Amino acid sequence: MTERVFVTGMGAVTPFGMGVDKLWKSMSTNQLAIRPIKGLSSRSEEFRCKVGGQVPDFKISEWLPKLNKKIDPFQAYSIIASNMAVKHSKINLEKVDRSRFGVSSGSSNGGVGTGLKNYKQYLEKGLRGVSPFTGVRYTVNGASAWPAIQLGLQGPNESFSVTCATGNTAIGNAYRKIKHGHADLMLAGSSDYFDEFIVVFFHRARAVAATKDPYEVNVLKPFDKKRSGTILSEGCGMLLLESESSARKRGAKIYAEILGMGETCDARNIVAPDTSGKIMTRAIQNCLEESELQPEDVEYVSAHGTGTLFNDPTEVKALKNALGKHAEKIPVSAPKSQLGHLLGASSSIEAIAGIMGGLNGTVTPTLNLDNPDPKCDLDHVPNKARKHKYRTFLNNSFGFGGHNCVLAIRTGDPED
């Protein structure tokens, strides 16, 4: 016997601010979260791009004062978004079997910048210059361990680090935990934080957008023929997933249902996608198969849409291969055009945005799409959000290393 898996709560920490309502209000009104990056060193004069999506005015000491010296920002984001999701679900933790309540989360970069800073302090000051919490501040498992510690959740706990596909992977594996009876509830999502060290890496990988003015904010251009790269961002999205039996028993409000997941690996290049689109295609097809969907059932696609040279046309090719002519009949927009590339946190936040869009009958836009690439010729919803009723959508994520992960989600309560 298997369980249906519902979304009964959501929490978001994004460059637009704190909370799902703030995220949705900003995205549905065509706003942009990209700003000049604060705190760059004088060495950043070498950067061709100095903008990104930073969580505004965030200080761990103000949100989680007791943990201020123990956790990294990506871990703090995970705790805060998890607390939001639990509150949003209106679940009473005192009445829950916490041995069957788990966490599935992760991060692309973890706290690697924190580790580097502490190593520099060691070189300057010796062992006494290094925080005793350094080892646990930069490890990816903190994204799932800390919410469990704070909430007393003793069920399955796992952390993933599959670059840009981390969020979908964490949500999909949490879905399967509940579907096959290993848990009743799971907090699922992903979190990432960027600092100057991460910006350096993306510059050296030639993945960051190029512009004559390094402070130009309208530079991330998914599906546009003038696209030149992506823009870094940060945040966390967490969803509370719950078995149908648990949700119905407590009369929970149901925001969406997770229908299935598809995963593949290009096994070709550590940075660039397989431009044939065949392996991405199979990830989409695998997702449709587990979800028991036909291509015609898909009403919207939340695209990976990074604004990079090879990813965008490859994703379009994969959608055409998997959905056939139906791909030309549905909107396919790129949330990163508004949010920036939230690294491992991207697909979990984009899943939340997709759910909110279905609940509100609105598709978010692809900003900065003024000169469409002929190779990207689907309905990419240029520059303005659009009224469009949909329930079933695909949430795409395709990461460095060839990690491909696609979720199928149906918004609303299936009994409505």
Protein backbone atom coordinates (compact mmCIF):
# COMPACT_ATOMS: atom_id res chain seq x y z
CA MET A 1 0.00 0.00 0.00
CA THR A 2 1.29 3.46 -0.88
CA GLU A 3 0.34 6.92 0.37
CA ARG A 4 -0.44 10.05 -1.60
CA VAL A 5 1.83 12.89 -0.54
CA PHE A 6 0.54 16.41 0.03
CA VAL A 7 2.15 19.79 0.64
CA THR A 8 0.56 21.21 3.79
CA GLY A 9 3.02 23.99 4.63
CA MET A 10 5.67 26.17 2.98
CA GLY A 11 8.42 28.52 4.13
CA ALA A 12 10.77 30.73 2.14
CA VAL A 13 13.83 32.88 2.75
CA THR A 14 14.67 34.74 -0.47
CA PRO A 15 16.31 37.90 -1.82
CA PHE A 16 12.81 39.39 -1.82
CA GLY A 17 12.64 38.97 1.95
CA MET A 18 11.13 36.60 4.48
CA GLY A 19 8.10 34.44 3.84
CA VAL A 20 6.06 32.88 1.04
CA ASP A 21 3.69 35.86 0.81
CA LYS A 22 6.59 38.24 0.20
CA LEU A 23 8.01 35.89 -2.43
CA TRP A 24 4.72 35.54 -4.27
CA LYS A 25 3.75 39.20 -4.15
CA SER A 26 7.12 40.15 -5.63
CA MET A 27 7.19 37.51 -8.35
CA SER A 28 3.59 37.99 -9.44
CA THR A 29 4.19 41.72 -9.89
CA ASN A 30 7.26 41.30 -12.10
CA GLN A 31 9.82 42.44 -9.52
CA LEU A 32 13.55 41.76 -9.66
CA ALA A 33 15.57 40.61 -6.65
CA ILE A 34 19.02 41.42 -8.09
CA ARG A 35 21.03 44.23 -6.48
CA PRO A 36 24.70 45.26 -6.18
CA ILE A 37 26.46 42.72 -3.94
CA LYS A 38 27.34 44.05 -0.50
CA GLY A 39 30.64 43.35 1.24
CA LEU A 40 32.94 42.68 -1.71
CA SER A 41 36.69 43.17 -1.22
CA SER A 42 38.92 45.42 -3.33
CA ARG A 43 39.93 42.30 -5.29
CA SER A 44 36.45 42.26 -6.80
CA GLU A 45 37.59 44.92 -9.26
CA GLU A 46 38.41 41.92 -11.46
CA PHE A 47 34.75 40.81 -11.51
CA ARG A 48 32.82 41.41 -14.68
CA CYS A 49 29.59 41.28 -12.70
CA LYS A 50 29.01 42.64 -9.19
CA VAL A 51 25.30 42.03 -8.71
CA GLY A 52 23.41 39.19 -7.06
CA GLY A 53 20.41 38.22 -4.98
CA GLN A 54 21.25 38.60 -1.29
CA VAL A 55 18.77 38.07 1.53
CA PRO A 56 18.19 41.67 2.66
CA ASP A 57 19.71 42.86 5.94
CA PHE A 58 20.01 39.36 7.37
CA LYS A 59 21.84 38.74 10.65
CA ILE A 60 21.86 35.39 12.42
CA SER A 61 22.19 37.25 15.72
CA GLU A 62 18.77 38.85 15.19
CA TRP A 63 16.91 35.74 14.04
CA LEU A 64 18.62 32.97 16.01
CA PRO A 65 20.69 34.69 18.72
CA LYS A 66 21.44 31.52 20.70
CA LEU A 67 22.98 29.91 17.61
CA ASN A 68 24.83 32.96 16.34
CA LYS A 69 28.36 31.51 16.68
CA LYS A 70 27.42 27.90 15.95
CA ILE A 71 25.79 27.98 12.52
CA ASP A 72 26.44 29.18 8.98
CA PRO A 73 23.94 31.41 7.12
CA PHE A 74 22.74 28.51 4.91
CA GLN A 75 21.93 26.53 8.06
CA ALA A 76 20.15 29.52 9.57
CA TYR A 77 18.04 29.91 6.42
CA SER A 78 17.08 26.23 6.67
CA ILE A 79 15.99 26.55 10.30
CA ILE A 80 13.96 29.70 9.62
CA ALA A 81 12.23 28.36 6.49
CA SER A 82 11.46 25.08 8.30
CA ASN A 83 9.88 26.96 11.20
CA MET A 84 7.81 28.93 8.70
CA ALA A 85 6.60 25.76 6.97
CA VAL A 86 5.59 24.16 10.26
CA LYS A 87 3.74 27.31 11.33
CA HIS A 88 2.08 27.58 7.93
CA SER A 89 0.82 23.99 8.21
CA LYS A 90 -0.82 24.69 11.59
CA ILE A 91 0.36 21.31 12.81
CA ASN A 92 0.54 20.68 16.55
CA LEU A 93 3.97 19.16 17.14
CA GLU A 94 2.90 17.98 20.59
CA LYS A 95 0.40 15.62 18.94
CA VAL A 96 2.77 14.26 16.30
CA ASP A 97 4.82 11.07 16.43
CA ARG A 98 8.19 12.72 15.90
CA SER A 99 9.85 9.39 15.21
CA ARG A 100 7.93 9.45 11.91
CA PHE A 101 8.64 13.11 11.12
CA GLY A 102 11.88 13.64 9.20
CA VAL A 103 13.90 16.16 7.22
CA SER A 104 15.24 15.93 3.68
CA SER A 105 17.31 18.93 2.69
CA GLY A 106 20.70 19.92 1.35
CA SER A 107 22.92 22.57 -0.16
CA SER A 108 25.14 22.99 -3.18
CA ASN A 109 27.99 24.84 -1.47
CA GLY A 110 27.28 24.49 2.22
CA GLY A 111 29.51 26.75 4.28
CA VAL A 112 32.65 26.37 2.18
CA GLY A 113 33.38 30.10 2.53
CA THR A 114 33.26 29.78 6.32
CA GLY A 115 35.76 26.93 6.16
CA LEU A 116 38.12 29.01 4.04
CA LYS A 117 37.90 32.01 6.39
CA ASN A 118 38.70 29.86 9.39
CA TYR A 119 41.68 28.29 7.61
CA LYS A 120 43.02 31.79 6.95
CA GLN A 121 42.58 32.59 10.65
CA TYR A 122 44.50 29.43 11.52
CA LEU A 123 47.40 30.51 9.30
CA GLU A 124 47.45 33.92 10.99
CA LYS A 125 46.73 33.00 14.60
CA GLY A 126 47.13 29.24 14.96
CA LEU A 127 44.52 26.86 16.41
CA ARG A 128 43.15 29.47 18.81
CA GLY A 129 42.08 31.54 15.82
CA VAL A 130 39.69 28.84 14.62
CA SER A 131 36.13 28.50 15.89
CA PRO A 132 35.47 25.07 17.46
CA PHE A 133 32.22 25.02 15.46
CA THR A 134 33.96 25.38 12.08
CA GLY A 135 33.64 21.70 11.24
CA VAL A 136 29.88 21.65 11.68
CA ARG A 137 29.26 25.10 10.21
CA TYR A 138 30.41 24.27 6.71
CA THR A 139 29.09 20.71 6.32
CA VAL A 140 26.03 20.27 4.10
CA ASN A 141 24.27 17.99 6.59
CA GLY A 142 23.54 21.03 8.75
CA ALA A 143 20.73 21.93 6.34
CA SER A 144 18.76 18.92 7.59
CA ALA A 145 20.32 18.30 11.01
CA TRP A 146 19.66 21.74 12.48
CA PRO A 147 15.90 21.89 11.71
CA ALA A 148 15.57 18.40 13.22
CA ILE A 149 17.48 19.46 16.34
CA GLN A 150 15.45 22.62 16.76
CA LEU A 151 12.09 20.87 16.28
CA GLY A 152 12.92 17.49 17.82
CA LEU A 153 12.25 15.52 14.62
CA GLN A 154 13.57 11.96 14.97
CA GLY A 155 12.45 10.45 11.66
CA PRO A 156 14.54 9.93 8.50
CA ASN A 157 17.11 12.66 8.06
CA GLU A 158 19.15 13.11 4.91
CA SER A 159 21.15 15.78 3.13
CA PHE A 160 21.88 16.09 -0.57
CA SER A 161 24.41 18.08 -2.55
CA VAL A 162 23.73 17.72 -6.26
CA THR A 163 24.42 21.31 -7.27
CA CYS A 164 21.44 23.05 -8.87
CA ALA A 165 19.26 19.91 -8.62
CA THR A 166 19.55 19.69 -4.82
CA GLY A 167 16.08 21.02 -3.95
CA ASN A 168 14.12 18.79 -6.30
CA THR A 169 16.21 15.80 -5.24
CA ALA A 170 15.51 16.43 -1.56
CA ILE A 171 11.78 16.95 -2.14
CA GLY A 172 11.52 13.91 -4.40
CA ASN A 173 13.26 11.62 -1.93
CA ALA A 174 11.09 12.91 0.92
CA TYR A 175 8.04 12.21 -1.25
CA ARG A 176 9.18 8.62 -1.73
CA LYS A 177 9.85 8.19 2.00
CA ILE A 178 6.24 9.06 2.74
CA LYS A 179 4.78 7.28 -0.29
CA HIS A 180 6.33 3.96 0.76
CA GLY A 181 5.50 4.27 4.45
CA HIS A 182 8.89 5.19 5.96
CA ALA A 183 7.58 8.48 7.38
CA ASP A 184 4.33 10.38 7.86
CA LEU A 185 5.75 13.89 7.56
CA MET A 186 8.93 15.33 6.05
CA LEU A 187 10.32 18.83 5.88
CA ALA A 188 11.89 18.99 2.43
CA GLY A 189 13.84 21.61 0.52
CA SER A 190 17.26 23.16 0.17
CA SER A 191 19.36 26.11 1.25
CA ASP A 192 22.34 28.03 -0.07
CA TYR A 193 24.36 31.12 0.77
CA PHE A 194 26.95 32.80 -1.39
CA ASP A 195 29.97 34.89 -0.48
CA GLU A 196 32.84 36.33 -2.46
CA PHE A 197 34.62 32.97 -2.67
CA ILE A 198 31.62 31.44 -4.49
CA VAL A 199 31.45 34.45 -6.82
CA VAL A 200 35.13 33.86 -7.68
CA PHE A 201 34.43 30.24 -8.63
CA PHE A 202 31.55 31.15 -10.94
CA HIS A 203 33.65 33.85 -12.59
CA ARG A 204 36.48 31.41 -13.23
CA ALA A 205 33.98 28.90 -14.64
CA ARG A 206 32.74 31.64 -16.98
CA ALA A 207 29.20 31.03 -15.81
CA VAL A 208 28.45 34.59 -14.63
CA ALA A 209 26.71 37.06 -16.92
CA ALA A 210 28.95 39.55 -18.70
CA THR A 211 28.12 43.22 -19.06
CA LYS A 212 29.95 46.48 -19.72
CA ASP A 213 28.56 47.84 -16.47
CA PRO A 214 29.33 45.38 -13.63
CA TYR A 215 26.46 46.89 -11.63
CA GLU A 216 23.79 46.35 -14.31
CA VAL A 217 20.95 44.42 -12.66
CA ASN A 218 18.92 43.47 -15.76
CA VAL A 219 21.59 41.12 -17.03
CA LEU A 220 20.16 37.63 -16.45
CA LYS A 221 18.35 36.86 -19.71
CA PRO A 222 17.00 33.30 -19.97
CA PHE A 223 15.99 32.24 -23.51
CA ASP A 224 17.22 35.56 -24.95
CA LYS A 225 19.80 35.52 -27.75
CA LYS A 226 21.83 38.15 -25.86
CA ARG A 227 22.13 36.00 -22.74
CA SER A 228 25.66 35.71 -21.39
CA GLY A 229 25.46 33.81 -18.12
CA THR A 230 23.71 33.56 -14.79
CA ILE A 231 23.63 35.68 -11.60
CA LEU A 232 24.22 34.22 -8.13
CA SER A 233 21.59 34.37 -5.44
CA GLU A 234 20.81 32.81 -2.06
CA GLY A 235 18.00 31.63 0.17
CA CYS A 236 16.01 28.59 1.23
CA GLY A 237 12.69 26.98 0.43
CA MET A 238 11.15 24.32 2.68
CA LEU A 239 7.93 22.38 2.12
CA LEU A 240 6.11 20.33 4.72
CA LEU A 241 5.15 17.07 3.01
CA GLU A 242 2.50 14.92 4.66
CA SER A 243 0.83 11.61 3.98
CA GLU A 244 -2.79 11.77 2.91
CA SER A 245 -3.91 9.78 5.94
CA SER A 246 -2.14 12.16 8.33
CA ALA A 247 -3.35 15.29 6.55
CA ARG A 248 -6.98 14.13 6.33
CA LYS A 249 -7.02 12.98 9.94
CA ARG A 250 -6.05 16.41 11.24
CA GLY A 251 -8.06 18.37 8.67
CA ALA A 252 -5.00 20.04 7.15
CA LYS A 253 -5.26 22.56 4.34
CA ILE A 254 -3.71 21.00 1.24
CA TYR A 255 -1.73 23.32 -1.03
CA ALA A 256 -0.46 20.76 -3.51
CA GLU A 257 0.33 17.12 -4.18
CA ILE A 258 3.74 15.76 -5.18
CA LEU A 259 3.09 13.38 -8.06
CA GLY A 260 6.52 12.05 -8.95
CA MET A 261 10.19 12.60 -9.68
CA GLY A 262 12.52 11.77 -12.57
CA GLU A 263 16.32 11.67 -12.29
CA THR A 264 19.19 11.12 -14.72
CA CYS A 265 22.84 12.08 -15.13
CA ASP A 266 24.42 13.30 -18.35
CA ALA A 267 27.70 11.56 -17.38
CA ARG A 268 29.50 13.80 -19.84
CA ASN A 269 30.92 17.05 -18.47
CA ILE A 270 31.35 18.52 -14.98
CA VAL A 271 29.98 21.92 -16.06
CA ALA A 272 28.28 21.82 -19.48
CA PRO A 273 25.07 19.89 -20.26
CA ASP A 274 24.77 17.19 -22.88
CA THR A 275 23.49 19.47 -25.64
CA SER A 276 21.67 16.64 -27.42
CA GLY A 277 19.04 16.99 -24.70
CA LYS A 278 18.53 13.23 -24.67
CA ILE A 279 19.43 12.71 -21.01
CA MET A 280 17.35 15.71 -19.85
CA THR A 281 14.51 14.30 -21.93
CA ARG A 282 14.69 11.00 -20.11
CA ALA A 283 14.51 12.76 -16.72
CA ILE A 284 11.26 14.43 -17.82
CA GLN A 285 9.90 11.15 -19.18
CA ASN A 286 10.83 9.30 -15.98
CA CYS A 287 8.97 11.95 -13.98
CA LEU A 288 5.86 11.62 -16.16
CA GLU A 289 5.98 7.84 -15.81
CA GLU A 290 6.17 7.82 -12.00
CA SER A 291 3.49 10.51 -11.86
CA GLU A 292 1.20 8.56 -14.23
CA LEU A 293 0.89 11.62 -16.44
CA GLN A 294 0.62 12.05 -20.18
CA PRO A 295 2.35 15.03 -21.84
CA GLU A 296 -1.06 16.63 -22.38
CA ASP A 297 -1.64 16.68 -18.60
CA VAL A 298 1.16 19.22 -18.08
CA GLU A 299 -0.21 22.76 -17.96
CA TYR A 300 2.92 24.77 -17.12
CA VAL A 301 6.68 24.28 -16.84
CA SER A 302 8.82 26.10 -14.28
CA ALA A 303 12.03 26.01 -16.29
CA HIS A 304 15.59 25.69 -15.01
CA GLY A 305 16.33 28.65 -17.32
CA THR A 306 19.77 29.82 -16.15
CA GLY A 307 20.49 32.28 -18.95
CA THR A 308 23.62 30.36 -19.88
CA LEU A 309 24.63 29.73 -23.47
CA PHE A 310 24.06 25.97 -23.63
CA ASN A 311 21.50 25.23 -20.90
CA ASP A 312 18.55 27.20 -22.26
CA PRO A 313 18.31 25.72 -25.79
CA THR A 314 19.08 22.25 -24.43
CA GLU A 315 16.20 22.51 -21.97
CA VAL A 316 13.86 23.64 -24.75
CA LYS A 317 14.99 20.71 -26.88
CA ALA A 318 14.35 18.29 -24.00
CA LEU A 319 10.86 19.68 -23.39
CA LYS A 320 9.99 19.30 -27.07
CA ASN A 321 11.32 15.74 -27.08
CA ALA A 322 9.41 14.75 -23.93
CA LEU A 323 6.16 16.63 -24.45
CA GLY A 324 5.99 16.68 -28.24
CA LYS A 325 3.78 19.32 -29.85
CA HIS A 326 2.13 19.93 -26.49
CA ALA A 327 5.27 21.82 -25.38
CA GLU A 328 4.28 24.60 -27.79
CA LYS A 329 0.85 24.99 -26.17
CA ILE A 330 1.84 25.71 -22.56
CA PRO A 331 3.78 28.50 -20.79
CA VAL A 332 7.42 27.76 -19.92
CA SER A 333 8.91 30.55 -17.79
CA ALA A 334 12.19 31.06 -15.93
CA PRO A 335 11.91 32.10 -12.25
CA LYS A 336 15.68 32.72 -12.10
CA SER A 337 15.13 35.80 -14.27
CA GLN A 338 13.58 37.37 -11.16
CA LEU A 339 15.33 35.57 -8.31
CA GLY A 340 18.80 34.95 -9.71
CA HIS A 341 20.35 31.51 -9.48
CA LEU A 342 19.84 30.34 -5.90
CA LEU A 343 22.22 27.42 -6.50
CA GLY A 344 21.07 24.36 -4.53
CA ALA A 345 18.09 26.32 -3.18
CA SER A 346 16.73 27.15 -6.63
CA SER A 347 14.34 24.30 -7.31
CA SER A 348 12.77 24.25 -3.83
CA ILE A 349 11.95 27.96 -3.98
CA GLU A 350 10.80 27.59 -7.59
CA ALA A 351 8.52 24.72 -6.51
CA ILE A 352 6.90 27.05 -3.98
CA ALA A 353 6.50 29.78 -6.61
CA GLY A 354 4.93 27.24 -8.97
CA ILE A 355 2.49 26.10 -6.30
CA MET A 356 1.53 29.68 -5.50
CA GLY A 357 1.04 30.36 -9.21
CA GLY A 358 -1.35 27.45 -9.56
CA LEU A 359 -3.31 28.50 -6.49
CA ASN A 360 -3.58 32.06 -7.80
CA GLY A 361 -4.07 31.35 -11.50
CA THR A 362 -0.92 33.22 -12.52
CA VAL A 363 2.27 32.31 -14.34
CA THR A 364 5.38 34.26 -13.34
CA PRO A 365 7.34 35.92 -16.16
CA THR A 366 10.72 35.54 -17.79
CA LEU A 367 12.20 38.98 -17.26
CA ASN A 368 14.67 40.60 -19.67
CA LEU A 369 13.39 38.55 -22.59
CA ASP A 370 13.52 41.17 -25.33
CA ASN A 371 15.29 39.31 -28.14
CA PRO A 372 14.15 35.67 -28.09
CA ASP A 373 16.68 33.11 -29.27
CA PRO A 374 15.21 31.28 -32.30
CA LYS A 375 16.37 28.05 -30.63
CA CYS A 376 14.23 28.92 -27.59
CA ASP A 377 10.88 29.21 -29.29
CA LEU A 378 8.37 28.07 -26.69
CA ASP A 379 5.96 30.37 -24.83
CA HIS A 380 8.42 31.84 -22.34
CA VAL A 381 6.04 34.49 -20.89
CA PRO A 382 8.20 37.54 -21.65
CA ASN A 383 8.55 40.29 -19.03
CA LYS A 384 5.09 40.26 -17.45
CA ALA A 385 3.22 37.76 -15.30
CA ARG A 386 0.17 36.30 -16.99
CA LYS A 387 -3.18 35.04 -15.82
CA HIS A 388 -3.23 31.34 -16.60
CA LYS A 389 -5.19 28.67 -14.76
CA TYR A 390 -3.19 25.54 -14.15
CA ARG A 391 -2.88 22.77 -11.61
CA THR A 392 -0.31 20.31 -12.92
CA PHE A 393 3.20 21.58 -13.61
CA LEU A 394 6.77 20.39 -14.00
CA ASN A 395 9.58 21.86 -11.92
CA ASN A 396 12.88 21.44 -13.80
CA SER A 397 16.38 21.43 -12.34
CA PHE A 398 19.56 20.59 -14.26
CA GLY A 399 22.84 21.04 -12.41
CA PHE A 400 26.61 21.05 -12.82
CA GLY A 401 27.89 17.51 -13.12
CA GLY A 402 24.96 16.56 -15.32
CA HIS A 403 22.52 16.12 -12.43
CA ASN A 404 18.98 16.24 -13.85
CA CYS A 405 15.94 16.14 -11.60
CA VAL A 406 12.33 16.95 -12.47
CA LEU A 407 9.28 17.05 -10.19
CA ALA A 408 5.62 16.87 -11.16
CA ILE A 409 3.32 18.78 -8.82
CA ARG A 410 -0.44 19.28 -8.82
CA THR A 411 -1.68 22.35 -6.95
CA GLY A 412 -4.69 22.45 -4.67
CA ASP A 413 -6.61 19.70 -2.89
CA PRO A 414 -7.44 16.80 -5.29
CA GLU A 415 -10.90 16.62 -3.69
CA ASP A 416 -11.68 20.23 -4.66
